[in-house]
Protein backbone atom coordinates (compact mmCIF):
# COMPACT_ATOMS: atom_id res chain seq x y z
CA MET A 1 4.20 4.09 -21.33
CA PRO A 2 1.45 2.43 -19.31
CA VAL A 3 -0.54 4.55 -16.91
CA LEU A 4 0.59 2.45 -13.96
CA THR A 5 3.94 0.69 -14.14
CA LYS A 6 4.36 -2.75 -12.63
CA GLU A 7 6.14 -1.20 -9.65
CA ASP A 8 3.24 1.24 -9.23
CA ARG A 9 0.71 -1.60 -9.29
CA ILE A 10 2.70 -3.54 -6.67
CA LEU A 11 2.94 -0.45 -4.43
CA ILE A 12 -0.75 0.37 -4.76
CA SER A 13 -1.77 -3.22 -4.14
CA GLU A 14 0.41 -3.58 -1.04
CA LEU A 15 -0.62 -0.26 0.51
CA ASN A 16 -4.27 -1.02 -0.16
CA SER A 17 -4.16 -4.48 1.37
CA LEU A 18 -1.83 -3.70 4.31
CA LYS A 19 -2.89 -0.18 5.26
CA GLY A 20 -6.27 0.15 3.58
CA PHE A 21 -5.22 3.13 1.45
CA GLY A 22 -7.85 4.21 -1.07
CA ALA A 23 -7.31 5.99 -4.36
CA LYS A 24 -7.40 9.54 -2.95
CA LYS A 25 -5.05 8.72 -0.07
CA LEU A 26 -2.57 7.09 -2.47
CA ILE A 27 -2.68 10.06 -4.83
CA ASN A 28 -2.08 12.49 -1.94
CA GLU A 29 0.84 10.40 -0.63
CA PHE A 30 2.43 9.99 -4.07
CA SER A 31 1.50 13.23 -5.81
CA SER A 32 4.74 13.21 -7.81
CA LYS A 33 3.66 10.02 -9.62
CA GLY A 34 0.89 11.83 -11.53
CA TRP A 35 -1.70 9.09 -10.96
CA LYS A 36 -5.35 9.82 -11.63
CA VAL A 37 -8.18 8.73 -9.32
CA SER A 38 -9.92 6.91 -12.16
CA SER A 39 -6.75 4.97 -13.04
CA VAL A 40 -6.23 3.82 -9.47
CA ASN A 41 -9.92 2.92 -9.07
CA ASN A 42 -9.86 0.98 -12.35
CA PHE A 43 -6.82 -0.90 -11.08
CA PHE A 44 -8.66 -1.71 -7.82
CA ASP A 45 -11.60 -3.06 -9.85
CA LYS A 46 -9.27 -5.21 -11.94
CA LEU A 47 -7.50 -6.42 -8.81
CA LYS A 48 -10.82 -7.47 -7.25
CA LYS A 49 -11.93 -9.30 -10.41
CA THR A 50 -8.70 -11.12 -11.23
CA GLY A 51 -6.85 -11.21 -7.91
CA THR A 52 -3.56 -10.38 -9.63
CA ILE A 53 -1.64 -7.29 -10.69
CA GLU A 54 -0.50 -8.93 -13.95
CA ARG A 55 -2.03 -8.26 -17.34
CA ARG A 56 -4.14 -10.94 -18.98
CA PRO A 57 -2.11 -13.08 -21.39
CA GLY A 58 -2.71 -11.96 -24.96
CA SER A 59 -4.22 -8.63 -23.94
CA GLY A 60 -1.70 -6.55 -25.87
CA ARG A 61 -1.62 -5.65 -29.52
CA PRO A 62 -1.20 -8.80 -31.63
CA ARG A 63 2.02 -9.16 -33.59
CA THR A 64 0.57 -10.09 -36.96
CA VAL A 65 3.56 -9.26 -39.17
CA ARG A 66 5.85 -11.59 -37.24
CA ALA A 67 3.36 -14.46 -37.60
CA GLU A 68 4.88 -17.82 -38.47
CA SER A 69 3.44 -17.77 -42.01
CA ASN A 70 5.07 -14.40 -42.78
CA VAL A 71 8.41 -15.46 -41.28
CA ASN A 72 8.28 -18.62 -43.41
CA ALA A 73 7.48 -16.60 -46.56
CA VAL A 74 10.50 -14.34 -46.02
CA ASP A 75 12.72 -17.30 -45.18
CA GLU A 76 11.59 -19.07 -48.35
CA LEU A 77 12.59 -16.11 -50.53
CA VAL A 78 15.93 -15.73 -48.77
CA LEU A 79 16.74 -19.45 -48.95
CA ASN A 80 15.89 -19.63 -52.68
CA GLN A 81 18.88 -17.39 -53.31
CA GLU A 82 21.50 -19.72 -51.83
CA ASP A 83 21.79 -21.98 -54.89
CA ALA A 84 22.17 -19.01 -57.29
CA PRO A 85 25.40 -17.16 -56.56
CA GLN A 86 25.58 -13.51 -57.57
CA LYS A 87 21.77 -13.38 -57.60
CA HIS A 88 19.78 -12.06 -54.71
CA HIS A 89 16.48 -10.42 -53.84
CA THR A 90 16.68 -7.08 -52.13
CA SER A 91 14.66 -6.42 -49.01
CA ARG A 92 12.49 -4.12 -51.16
CA GLN A 93 11.77 -6.97 -53.62
CA ILE A 94 10.95 -9.35 -50.78
CA SER A 95 8.72 -6.67 -49.27
CA ARG A 96 6.78 -6.30 -52.52
CA ALA A 97 6.46 -10.05 -53.00
CA THR A 98 5.16 -10.72 -49.49
CA GLY A 99 3.26 -7.52 -48.73
CA ILE A 100 5.30 -7.03 -45.56
CA SER A 101 6.96 -3.68 -44.86
CA GLN A 102 10.64 -3.40 -45.70
CA THR A 103 11.49 -2.71 -42.06
CA SER A 104 9.70 -5.87 -40.93
CA VAL A 105 11.41 -7.89 -43.66
CA MET A 106 14.80 -6.69 -42.41
CA ARG A 107 13.82 -7.45 -38.82
CA ILE A 108 12.76 -10.98 -39.78
CA ILE A 109 15.94 -11.58 -41.77
CA HIS A 110 18.22 -10.33 -39.03
CA SER A 111 16.53 -11.93 -36.04
CA ASP A 112 14.33 -14.91 -36.97
CA PHE A 113 16.27 -16.15 -39.98
CA GLN A 114 19.64 -15.96 -38.25
CA LEU A 115 18.27 -17.89 -35.28
CA LYS A 116 17.11 -20.69 -37.58
CA CYS A 117 20.52 -20.89 -39.28
CA LEU A 118 22.41 -21.39 -36.02
């Protein structure tokens, strides 16, 4: 869970701009939130630099397993089975062949592959 939720950032931003509340005043007013002075001050710095409460696009952890090349590799192995009835690759075999975890293979098959087939 992020240190400051989106609702928290909106509240802090509005109270700072409308009433001039600083970090310590906000923490005293909303002691049940568990905010830290450094977190609120870091948010103020970010707000001054960017002018927005939103995160920068692409600032999160990259989703490398669900990259288009990996999705295509799994789709290729699944589609190769359609012309050979009674023959199929298990998710474990596909996982070994692609180097993608079995859980991610299943996730790709159930979400991305099914969307392409519709």
